[in-house]
N, C-alpha and C. Protein backbone atom coordinates (compact mmCIF):
# COMPACT_ATOMS: atom_id res chain seq x y z
N UNK A 1 1.87 8.57 -48.42
CA UNK A 1 2.58 7.51 -49.03
C UNK A 1 2.56 6.53 -48.28
N UNK A 2 2.68 4.99 -49.27
CA UNK A 2 2.98 3.93 -48.53
C UNK A 2 4.58 3.54 -47.51
N UNK A 3 4.83 4.13 -48.33
CA UNK A 3 6.44 4.42 -47.54
C UNK A 3 6.43 4.90 -45.91
N UNK A 4 4.92 6.00 -45.51
CA UNK A 4 5.27 6.54 -44.65
C UNK A 4 4.28 5.92 -43.57
N UNK A 5 3.56 4.75 -44.16
CA UNK A 5 1.89 4.00 -43.33
C UNK A 5 2.63 4.46 -41.95
N UNK A 6 4.02 3.45 -41.77
CA UNK A 6 3.84 2.76 -40.29
C UNK A 6 4.86 4.14 -39.92
N UNK A 7 5.21 5.29 -40.36
CA UNK A 7 6.04 6.03 -39.82
C UNK A 7 4.98 7.01 -39.02
N UNK A 8 4.20 7.32 -39.65
CA UNK A 8 2.95 8.04 -39.25
C UNK A 8 2.14 7.71 -38.50
N UNK A 9 1.68 6.14 -38.59
CA UNK A 9 1.00 5.31 -37.46
C UNK A 9 2.26 4.93 -36.38
N UNK A 10 3.26 5.17 -35.89
CA UNK A 10 4.00 4.71 -35.29
C UNK A 10 4.03 6.11 -33.77
N UNK A 11 3.23 7.24 -34.15
CA UNK A 11 3.14 8.47 -33.47
C UNK A 11 1.79 8.13 -32.65
N UNK A 12 1.67 8.80 -31.99
CA UNK A 12 0.18 8.97 -30.79
C UNK A 12 -1.01 9.80 -32.04
N UNK A 13 -0.23 11.04 -32.60
CA UNK A 13 -1.02 11.70 -33.52
C UNK A 13 -1.66 11.00 -34.89
N UNK A 14 -0.38 9.84 -35.47
CA UNK A 14 -0.96 9.15 -36.26
C UNK A 14 -2.05 8.51 -36.26
N UNK A 15 -2.15 7.42 -34.68
CA UNK A 15 -3.03 6.53 -34.45
C UNK A 15 -4.46 7.23 -34.10
N UNK A 16 -4.03 8.43 -33.58
CA UNK A 16 -5.74 9.47 -33.54
C UNK A 16 -5.60 9.72 -35.04
N UNK A 17 -5.44 10.20 -35.89
CA UNK A 17 -5.87 10.14 -36.75
C UNK A 17 -6.89 8.81 -37.64
N UNK A 18 -5.88 7.80 -37.60
CA UNK A 18 -6.68 6.84 -38.25
C UNK A 18 -7.88 6.60 -37.69
N UNK A 19 -8.23 6.50 -35.99
CA UNK A 19 -9.14 6.35 -35.63
C UNK A 19 -10.35 7.40 -36.11
N UNK A 20 -9.81 8.79 -35.86
CA UNK A 20 -10.76 9.65 -36.22
C UNK A 20 -11.23 9.04 -37.58
N UNK A 21 -10.22 8.99 -38.97
CA UNK A 21 -10.56 8.22 -40.01
C UNK A 21 -11.81 7.35 -39.72
N UNK A 22 -11.39 6.52 -38.98
CA UNK A 22 -12.39 5.15 -38.84
C UNK A 22 -13.75 5.63 -38.34
N UNK A 23 -13.53 6.71 -37.53
CA UNK A 23 -15.01 7.23 -37.25
C UNK A 23 -15.66 7.81 -38.02
N UNK A 24 -14.90 8.28 -38.74
CA UNK A 24 -15.92 9.31 -40.22
C UNK A 24 -16.42 8.06 -40.93
N UNK A 25 -16.29 7.00 -40.83
CA UNK A 25 -16.71 5.63 -41.83
C UNK A 25 -16.77 4.80 -41.44
N UNK A 26 -17.32 4.75 -40.27
CA UNK A 26 -17.63 3.93 -39.32
C UNK A 26 -19.20 2.98 -39.50
N UNK A 27 -20.31 4.36 -40.10
CA UNK A 27 -21.32 3.82 -40.89
C UNK A 27 -21.54 3.06 -41.40
N UNK A 28 -20.54 2.94 -42.60
CA UNK A 28 -20.36 2.73 -43.96
C UNK A 28 -19.60 1.26 -44.17
N UNK A 29 -18.93 0.57 -42.75
CA UNK A 29 -18.23 -0.35 -42.84
C UNK A 29 -19.17 -1.39 -42.58
N UNK A 30 -18.59 -2.44 -43.55
CA UNK A 30 -19.04 -4.01 -43.21
C UNK A 30 -18.34 -4.84 -43.02
N UNK A 31 -18.00 -5.43 -41.91
CA UNK A 31 -17.27 -6.56 -41.43
C UNK A 31 -17.72 -8.05 -42.04
N UNK A 32 -16.58 -8.59 -42.74
CA UNK A 32 -16.72 -9.87 -43.19
C UNK A 32 -15.96 -10.79 -42.59
N UNK A 33 -16.56 -11.89 -42.43
CA UNK A 33 -16.41 -13.16 -41.63
C UNK A 33 -16.09 -14.46 -42.23
N UNK A 34 -16.42 -14.42 -43.56
CA UNK A 34 -16.15 -15.39 -44.65
C UNK A 34 -15.69 -15.12 -45.86
N UNK A 35 -14.44 -15.81 -46.22
CA UNK A 35 -14.19 -15.48 -47.39
C UNK A 35 -14.97 -15.21 -48.41
N UNK A 36 -16.11 -15.53 -48.59
CA UNK A 36 -16.95 -15.95 -49.78
C UNK A 36 -17.74 -14.63 -50.02
N UNK A 37 -17.83 -13.77 -48.50
CA UNK A 37 -18.66 -12.69 -48.24
C UNK A 37 -18.25 -11.75 -49.15
N UNK A 38 -17.10 -11.30 -49.39
CA UNK A 38 -16.87 -9.77 -49.97
C UNK A 38 -16.93 -10.05 -51.71
N UNK A 39 -16.88 -10.99 -52.46
CA UNK A 39 -16.91 -11.30 -53.47
C UNK A 39 -18.71 -11.02 -54.41
N UNK A 40 -18.84 -11.82 -52.85
CA UNK A 40 -20.60 -11.44 -53.01
C UNK A 40 -21.13 -10.50 -53.05
N UNK A 41 -20.76 -9.82 -51.83
CA UNK A 41 -21.00 -7.97 -51.76
C UNK A 41 -20.44 -7.15 -52.84
N UNK A 42 -19.31 -7.62 -53.50
CA UNK A 42 -18.95 -6.86 -54.33
C UNK A 42 -19.81 -6.63 -55.68
N UNK A 43 -20.47 -7.85 -55.96
CA UNK A 43 -21.00 -8.24 -57.02
C UNK A 43 -22.64 -8.02 -57.18
N UNK A 44 -23.13 -7.53 -55.95
CA UNK A 44 -24.57 -7.26 -55.53
C UNK A 44 -24.63 -5.99 -55.78
N UNK A 45 -23.41 -5.15 -55.25
CA UNK A 45 -23.58 -4.14 -54.76
C UNK A 45 -23.59 -3.31 -53.98
N UNK A 46 -23.42 -4.45 -52.34
CA UNK A 46 -23.53 -4.12 -51.28
C UNK A 46 -22.49 -3.28 -50.88
N UNK A 47 -21.22 -3.60 -51.67
CA UNK A 47 -20.30 -2.80 -50.83
C UNK A 47 -19.26 -2.06 -52.15
N UNK A 48 -18.69 -1.03 -52.13
CA UNK A 48 -18.02 -0.49 -52.82
C UNK A 48 -16.97 -1.21 -53.25
N UNK A 49 -15.87 -1.41 -52.27
CA UNK A 49 -14.47 -1.61 -51.98
C UNK A 49 -14.25 -2.94 -50.91
N UNK A 50 -13.32 -3.57 -50.77
CA UNK A 50 -13.62 -4.52 -49.60
C UNK A 50 -11.98 -4.93 -49.69
N UNK A 51 -11.48 -5.72 -48.69
CA UNK A 51 -10.25 -6.51 -48.76
C UNK A 51 -10.44 -8.07 -48.74
N UNK A 52 -10.07 -8.52 -49.70
CA UNK A 52 -10.48 -10.06 -49.85
C UNK A 52 -9.30 -11.00 -50.55
N UNK A 53 -9.48 -12.29 -50.90
CA UNK A 53 -8.37 -12.95 -51.08
C UNK A 53 -8.57 -13.03 -52.67
N UNK A 54 -7.28 -13.05 -53.38
CA UNK A 54 -7.02 -12.83 -55.06
C UNK A 54 -7.93 -14.37 -55.48
N UNK A 55 -8.04 -15.20 -54.72
CA UNK A 55 -8.65 -16.64 -55.41
C UNK A 55 -9.99 -16.46 -55.29
N UNK A 56 -10.45 -15.51 -54.76
CA UNK A 56 -11.68 -15.55 -54.53
C UNK A 56 -12.57 -14.43 -55.26
N UNK A 57 -11.93 -13.40 -55.67
CA UNK A 57 -12.32 -12.62 -56.78
C UNK A 57 -12.14 -13.78 -58.32
N UNK A 58 -11.06 -14.26 -58.30
CA UNK A 58 -11.09 -14.79 -59.29
C UNK A 58 -11.97 -15.92 -59.76
N UNK A 59 -12.70 -17.09 -58.73
CA UNK A 59 -13.52 -17.53 -58.53
C UNK A 59 -14.80 -16.89 -58.72
N UNK A 60 -15.28 -15.43 -58.57
CA UNK A 60 -16.13 -14.68 -59.04
C UNK A 60 -16.45 -14.14 -60.28
N UNK A 61 -15.28 -13.97 -60.63
CA UNK A 61 -15.04 -13.62 -62.16
C UNK A 61 -15.29 -14.76 -63.30
N UNK A 62 -14.65 -16.27 -62.86
CA UNK A 62 -15.09 -17.15 -63.42
C UNK A 62 -16.38 -17.54 -63.54
N UNK A 63 -17.54 -16.98 -62.07
CA UNK A 63 -18.87 -17.00 -62.57
C UNK A 63 -19.66 -15.96 -62.93
N UNK A 64 -18.88 -15.08 -63.52
CA UNK A 64 -19.38 -13.66 -64.34
C UNK A 64 -19.49 -12.98 -63.62
N UNK A 65 -19.04 -12.48 -62.50
CA UNK A 65 -19.39 -11.35 -61.82
C UNK A 65 -18.45 -10.53 -62.14
N UNK A 66 -19.09 -9.52 -62.26
CA UNK A 66 -18.10 -7.96 -63.02
C UNK A 66 -17.49 -7.28 -61.83
N UNK A 67 -16.56 -7.83 -61.17
CA UNK A 67 -15.81 -7.28 -60.41
C UNK A 67 -14.34 -7.67 -60.73
N UNK A 68 -13.60 -6.61 -60.01
CA UNK A 68 -12.13 -6.78 -60.41
C UNK A 68 -11.34 -6.37 -59.48
N UNK A 69 -10.05 -6.53 -59.02
CA UNK A 69 -8.96 -6.06 -57.86
C UNK A 69 -7.98 -5.27 -58.27
N UNK A 70 -7.77 -4.65 -57.57
CA UNK A 70 -6.45 -3.65 -57.54
C UNK A 70 -5.39 -3.63 -56.84
N UNK A 71 -4.09 -3.02 -57.07
CA UNK A 71 -3.23 -3.17 -55.86
C UNK A 71 -2.71 -1.92 -55.42
N UNK A 72 -3.27 -0.62 -55.87
CA UNK A 72 -2.61 0.27 -55.12
C UNK A 72 -3.33 0.36 -53.70
N UNK A 73 -2.27 0.61 -52.82
CA UNK A 73 -3.10 0.86 -51.33
C UNK A 73 -3.04 -0.62 -51.11
N UNK A 74 -2.78 -1.79 -51.37
CA UNK A 74 -3.08 -2.55 -50.84
C UNK A 74 -2.19 -3.14 -49.91
N UNK A 75 -2.14 -3.88 -49.01
CA UNK A 75 -1.40 -4.58 -48.01
C UNK A 75 -0.67 -5.81 -48.09
N UNK A 76 0.58 -5.76 -47.96
CA UNK A 76 0.64 -7.63 -48.21
C UNK A 76 1.64 -8.12 -47.23
N UNK A 77 1.63 -9.22 -46.85
CA UNK A 77 2.75 -10.02 -46.04
C UNK A 77 3.48 -10.78 -46.16
N UNK A 78 4.63 -10.90 -45.78
CA UNK A 78 5.51 -11.74 -46.02
C UNK A 78 5.72 -13.31 -45.24
N UNK A 79 5.56 -14.38 -46.17
CA UNK A 79 5.58 -15.45 -44.80
C UNK A 79 7.02 -16.26 -44.98
N UNK A 80 7.13 -17.10 -43.95
CA UNK A 80 8.39 -17.42 -43.41
C UNK A 80 8.18 -18.84 -43.36
N UNK A 81 9.36 -19.62 -43.29
CA UNK A 81 9.29 -21.16 -43.30
C UNK A 81 10.23 -21.31 -41.90
N UNK A 82 10.12 -22.09 -41.10
CA UNK A 82 11.08 -22.23 -39.47
C UNK A 82 11.52 -23.44 -39.41
N UNK A 83 12.77 -23.71 -39.36
CA UNK A 83 13.19 -24.91 -38.90
C UNK A 83 13.40 -24.97 -36.82
N UNK A 84 12.57 -26.41 -36.94
CA UNK A 84 12.78 -26.38 -35.19
C UNK A 84 14.15 -26.36 -34.89
N UNK A 85 14.29 -26.06 -33.87
CA UNK A 85 15.88 -25.84 -33.20
C UNK A 85 15.71 -27.17 -32.37
N UNK A 86 17.14 -28.00 -32.79
CA UNK A 86 17.28 -29.42 -32.74
C UNK A 86 16.93 -30.74 -33.07
N UNK A 87 16.01 -29.91 -33.79
CA UNK A 87 15.54 -30.93 -34.56
C UNK A 87 16.24 -32.22 -35.35
N UNK A 88 16.41 -33.60 -35.16
CA UNK A 88 17.09 -34.33 -35.83
C UNK A 88 16.97 -34.62 -37.27
N UNK A 89 15.90 -33.96 -38.17
CA UNK A 89 15.81 -33.78 -39.59
C UNK A 89 16.30 -32.50 -40.39
N UNK A 90 17.31 -31.86 -39.95
CA UNK A 90 17.71 -30.57 -40.39
C UNK A 90 17.67 -30.55 -41.81
N UNK A 91 18.83 -31.78 -42.22
CA UNK A 91 18.93 -31.42 -43.27
C UNK A 91 17.96 -31.95 -44.66
N UNK A 92 16.91 -33.04 -44.15
CA UNK A 92 15.75 -33.03 -44.78
C UNK A 92 15.14 -31.61 -44.49
N UNK A 93 14.91 -31.02 -43.91
CA UNK A 93 13.97 -29.61 -43.60
C UNK A 93 15.25 -28.75 -44.76
N UNK A 94 16.37 -28.70 -45.06
CA UNK A 94 17.49 -27.31 -45.59
C UNK A 94 16.85 -28.24 -47.13
N UNK A 95 16.64 -29.24 -47.37
CA UNK A 95 16.30 -30.23 -48.70
C UNK A 95 15.32 -29.26 -48.93
N UNK A 96 14.14 -29.31 -48.12
CA UNK A 96 12.70 -29.21 -48.50
C UNK A 96 12.89 -27.48 -48.98
N UNK A 97 12.91 -26.99 -47.91
CA UNK A 97 13.57 -25.07 -48.44
C UNK A 97 13.98 -25.16 -49.57
N UNK A 98 14.84 -25.90 -49.68
CA UNK A 98 15.68 -25.43 -51.07
C UNK A 98 14.80 -25.78 -52.31
N UNK A 99 14.03 -27.06 -52.40
CA UNK A 99 13.79 -26.93 -53.21
C UNK A 99 12.10 -26.27 -53.21
N UNK A 100 11.69 -26.27 -52.49
CA UNK A 100 10.12 -25.44 -52.12
C UNK A 100 10.30 -24.01 -52.65
N UNK A 101 11.33 -22.87 -52.07
CA UNK A 101 11.77 -22.02 -52.66
C UNK A 101 12.11 -21.98 -54.19
N UNK A 102 12.69 -22.63 -54.85
CA UNK A 102 13.30 -22.72 -56.17
C UNK A 102 12.55 -22.37 -57.20
N UNK A 103 12.97 -21.31 -58.11
CA UNK A 103 12.10 -20.72 -59.05
C UNK A 103 11.01 -21.48 -59.76
N UNK A 104 11.74 -23.06 -60.09
CA UNK A 104 10.47 -23.72 -60.70
C UNK A 104 9.32 -24.30 -59.95
N UNK A 105 9.60 -24.69 -58.70
CA UNK A 105 8.61 -24.80 -57.48
C UNK A 105 7.76 -23.93 -57.39
N UNK A 106 8.60 -22.78 -57.13
CA UNK A 106 7.12 -21.38 -56.81
C UNK A 106 6.50 -21.29 -57.94
N UNK A 107 7.24 -20.88 -59.21
CA UNK A 107 6.15 -20.70 -60.10
C UNK A 107 5.00 -22.03 -60.62
N UNK A 108 5.62 -22.88 -60.15
CA UNK A 108 4.70 -24.19 -60.50
C UNK A 108 3.39 -24.24 -59.35
N UNK A 109 3.62 -23.57 -58.07
CA UNK A 109 2.68 -23.00 -57.28
C UNK A 109 2.14 -22.28 -57.29
N UNK A 110 2.65 -20.66 -58.20
CA UNK A 110 2.24 -19.60 -58.45
C UNK A 110 1.06 -20.08 -59.48
N UNK A 111 1.42 -20.74 -60.58
CA UNK A 111 -0.05 -21.35 -61.25
C UNK A 111 -0.88 -22.09 -61.35
N UNK A 112 -1.43 -22.51 -60.18
CA UNK A 112 -2.58 -22.87 -59.26
C UNK A 112 -3.14 -22.24 -58.23
N UNK A 113 -2.28 -21.44 -57.80
CA UNK A 113 -3.13 -20.42 -56.56
C UNK A 113 -2.05 -19.39 -56.61
N UNK A 114 -2.99 -18.26 -56.98
CA UNK A 114 -2.65 -17.05 -56.80
C UNK A 114 -1.76 -15.95 -55.82
N UNK A 115 -0.74 -16.57 -55.85
CA UNK A 115 0.07 -15.83 -54.62
C UNK A 115 1.12 -15.83 -55.11
N UNK A 116 2.19 -14.65 -54.73
CA UNK A 116 3.54 -14.51 -55.18
C UNK A 116 4.61 -15.33 -54.73
N UNK A 117 4.92 -15.45 -55.69
CA UNK A 117 6.28 -16.54 -55.50
C UNK A 117 7.70 -15.62 -54.46
N UNK A 118 7.82 -16.47 -53.66
CA UNK A 118 8.70 -15.64 -53.03
C UNK A 118 10.40 -15.71 -53.74
N UNK A 119 10.69 -16.58 -54.57
CA UNK A 119 11.87 -16.56 -54.91
C UNK A 119 11.51 -15.44 -56.28
N UNK A 120 11.84 -14.41 -56.35
CA UNK A 120 11.64 -13.75 -57.63
C UNK A 120 12.07 -13.82 -59.13
N UNK A 121 13.25 -15.01 -58.90
CA UNK A 121 12.91 -15.70 -60.30
C UNK A 121 11.86 -16.42 -61.13
N UNK A 122 11.45 -16.54 -59.94
CA UNK A 122 9.99 -17.49 -60.76
C UNK A 122 9.11 -16.61 -61.79
N UNK A 123 8.91 -15.43 -61.28
CA UNK A 123 8.23 -14.43 -62.41
C UNK A 123 8.58 -14.87 -63.92
N UNK A 124 9.97 -14.78 -63.81
CA UNK A 124 10.06 -14.58 -65.62
C UNK A 124 9.30 -16.49 -66.55
N UNK A 125 9.35 -17.26 -65.18
CA UNK A 125 8.55 -18.24 -65.34
C UNK A 125 6.85 -18.63 -65.48
N UNK A 126 6.57 -17.18 -65.15
CA UNK A 126 5.33 -17.17 -65.37
C UNK A 126 4.40 -16.18 -66.59
N UNK A 127 3.22 -16.39 -67.18
CA UNK A 127 2.93 -15.55 -67.71
C UNK A 127 2.66 -14.42 -67.86
N UNK A 128 2.55 -13.24 -68.46
CA UNK A 128 2.62 -11.97 -67.62
C UNK A 128 0.91 -11.97 -67.09
N UNK A 129 -0.28 -12.50 -67.55
CA UNK A 129 -1.46 -13.13 -67.23
C UNK A 129 -1.37 -13.35 -66.06
N UNK A 130 -0.66 -14.16 -65.83
CA UNK A 130 -0.52 -14.31 -64.09
C UNK A 130 0.01 -13.76 -63.46
N UNK A 131 1.08 -13.01 -63.75
CA UNK A 131 1.77 -11.90 -63.32
C UNK A 131 0.62 -10.95 -62.76
N UNK A 132 -0.20 -10.70 -63.85
CA UNK A 132 -1.29 -9.04 -62.96
C UNK A 132 -2.10 -9.51 -62.22
N UNK A 133 -2.39 -11.41 -61.65
CA UNK A 133 -3.36 -11.21 -60.65
C UNK A 133 -2.87 -11.42 -59.58
N UNK A 134 -1.42 -11.43 -59.38
CA UNK A 134 -0.88 -11.79 -58.02
C UNK A 134 0.05 -10.24 -57.05
N UNK A 135 0.15 -10.12 -56.71
CA UNK A 135 0.91 -9.09 -55.76
C UNK A 135 2.29 -9.21 -55.87
N UNK A 136 2.83 -9.08 -56.91
CA UNK A 136 4.59 -9.08 -57.47
C UNK A 136 4.49 -7.82 -58.30
N UNK A 137 6.02 -7.50 -58.68
CA UNK A 137 6.32 -6.98 -59.63
C UNK A 137 5.78 -5.93 -59.62
N UNK A 138 5.19 -4.96 -60.86
CA UNK A 138 4.29 -3.69 -60.44
C UNK A 138 3.26 -3.63 -59.39
N UNK A 139 2.52 -4.40 -59.50
CA UNK A 139 1.37 -4.33 -58.82
C UNK A 139 1.91 -4.15 -57.06
N UNK A 140 3.08 -3.79 -56.86
CA UNK A 140 3.73 -3.84 -55.48
C UNK A 140 4.03 -2.49 -55.54
N UNK A 141 4.21 -1.66 -56.60
CA UNK A 141 4.69 -0.51 -56.25
C UNK A 141 4.27 0.30 -55.35
N UNK A 142 2.44 0.63 -55.09
CA UNK A 142 2.00 1.07 -54.48
C UNK A 142 1.59 0.91 -53.16
N UNK A 143 1.80 -0.40 -53.13
CA UNK A 143 1.35 -1.46 -51.78
C UNK A 143 2.01 -1.12 -50.76
N UNK A 144 1.31 -1.18 -49.68
CA UNK A 144 2.26 -1.39 -48.23
C UNK A 144 2.50 -2.40 -47.64
N UNK A 145 3.97 -2.64 -47.30
CA UNK A 145 4.18 -4.18 -46.72
C UNK A 145 4.22 -4.06 -45.41
N UNK A 146 3.53 -5.14 -44.64
CA UNK A 146 3.29 -5.32 -43.06
C UNK A 146 4.45 -5.12 -42.75
N UNK A 147 4.30 -3.89 -41.66
CA UNK A 147 5.13 -4.21 -40.60
C UNK A 147 5.50 -5.22 -39.45
N UNK A 148 6.11 -6.20 -39.34
CA UNK A 148 5.95 -7.00 -38.64
C UNK A 148 6.35 -6.81 -37.15
N UNK A 149 7.58 -5.92 -37.34
CA UNK A 149 7.76 -5.44 -35.97
C UNK A 149 6.93 -4.27 -35.49
N UNK A 150 6.42 -3.42 -36.11
CA UNK A 150 5.54 -2.55 -35.63
C UNK A 150 4.15 -3.31 -34.74
N UNK A 151 3.83 -4.52 -35.80
CA UNK A 151 2.90 -4.93 -35.12
C UNK A 151 3.20 -5.86 -33.57
N UNK A 152 4.34 -6.37 -33.36
CA UNK A 152 4.61 -6.90 -32.63
C UNK A 152 5.16 -5.66 -31.38
N UNK A 153 4.91 -4.76 -31.68
CA UNK A 153 5.32 -3.66 -30.62
C UNK A 153 3.95 -2.96 -30.04
N UNK A 154 3.06 -3.01 -31.23
CA UNK A 154 1.98 -2.09 -30.88
C UNK A 154 0.34 -3.16 -31.01
N UNK A 155 0.79 -4.37 -31.12
CA UNK A 155 -0.82 -5.27 -31.02
C UNK A 155 -1.59 -5.02 -30.15
N UNK A 156 -1.37 -5.49 -28.99
CA UNK A 156 -2.09 -5.15 -27.86
C UNK A 156 -2.44 -3.89 -27.34
N UNK A 157 -1.80 -2.67 -28.03
CA UNK A 157 -2.63 -1.48 -27.31
C UNK A 157 -3.05 -1.29 -28.11
N UNK A 158 -2.86 -1.28 -29.39
CA UNK A 158 -3.95 -0.84 -31.29
C UNK A 158 -5.30 -1.89 -30.83
N UNK A 159 -5.47 -3.00 -30.40
CA UNK A 159 -6.17 -4.25 -30.59
C UNK A 159 -7.03 -3.61 -28.88
N UNK A 160 -6.52 -3.54 -28.07
CA UNK A 160 -7.50 -2.93 -27.23
C UNK A 160 -8.27 -1.48 -27.84
N UNK A 161 -7.96 -0.80 -28.03
CA UNK A 161 -8.01 0.77 -28.95
C UNK A 161 -8.91 0.45 -29.75
N UNK A 162 -8.93 -0.37 -31.01
CA UNK A 162 -10.24 -1.02 -31.88
C UNK A 162 -11.03 -1.83 -31.12
N UNK A 163 -11.15 -2.43 -30.25
CA UNK A 163 -11.87 -2.97 -29.75
C UNK A 163 -12.88 -2.38 -28.92
N UNK A 164 -12.65 -1.51 -28.27
CA UNK A 164 -13.07 -0.15 -27.52
C UNK A 164 -13.93 0.38 -28.75
N UNK A 165 -13.18 1.17 -29.56
CA UNK A 165 -13.95 1.83 -30.64
C UNK A 165 -14.84 1.19 -31.39
N UNK A 166 -14.95 0.09 -31.67
CA UNK A 166 -15.45 -1.12 -32.35
C UNK A 166 -17.10 -1.70 -31.38
N UNK A 167 -16.81 -1.12 -29.84
CA UNK A 167 -17.81 -1.52 -29.16
C UNK A 167 -18.76 -0.21 -28.68
N UNK A 168 -18.41 0.69 -29.82
CA UNK A 168 -18.98 2.07 -29.41
C UNK A 168 -20.44 2.51 -30.03
């Protein structure tokens, strides 16, 4: 279950299970290196599914590609703003953050870039069609939020193990 991903992955048995699954599908994995590759591969039948950027799928669809994206099982990240400690422009930084995270500004940005607004009140300012193509609301019901604490604690060891696995 999405809620259990990091609970399971936090155990040695969970990591072993993940790598066993990777072993099973290794011959079918196609690693992409540029954002244009997944939609192209999906459109020409080179792959059955892929991670990718929403905007790339929308571009491919606009060009006539018969591909779709789905949200169940997807992973999502939360981005953060930071103000540098000791800055002399702290008031300007707070003013910017207040504006940039307002429902109106978030909705306007989401209208031109298919990213979920961080201010949930912005969703009320978007059309249902726009919300349907973004990781927000019902689209996140079966999604997995990336656990930054898990990756802070485990990135080095898992990267080392993954690189060893990938090189076999």
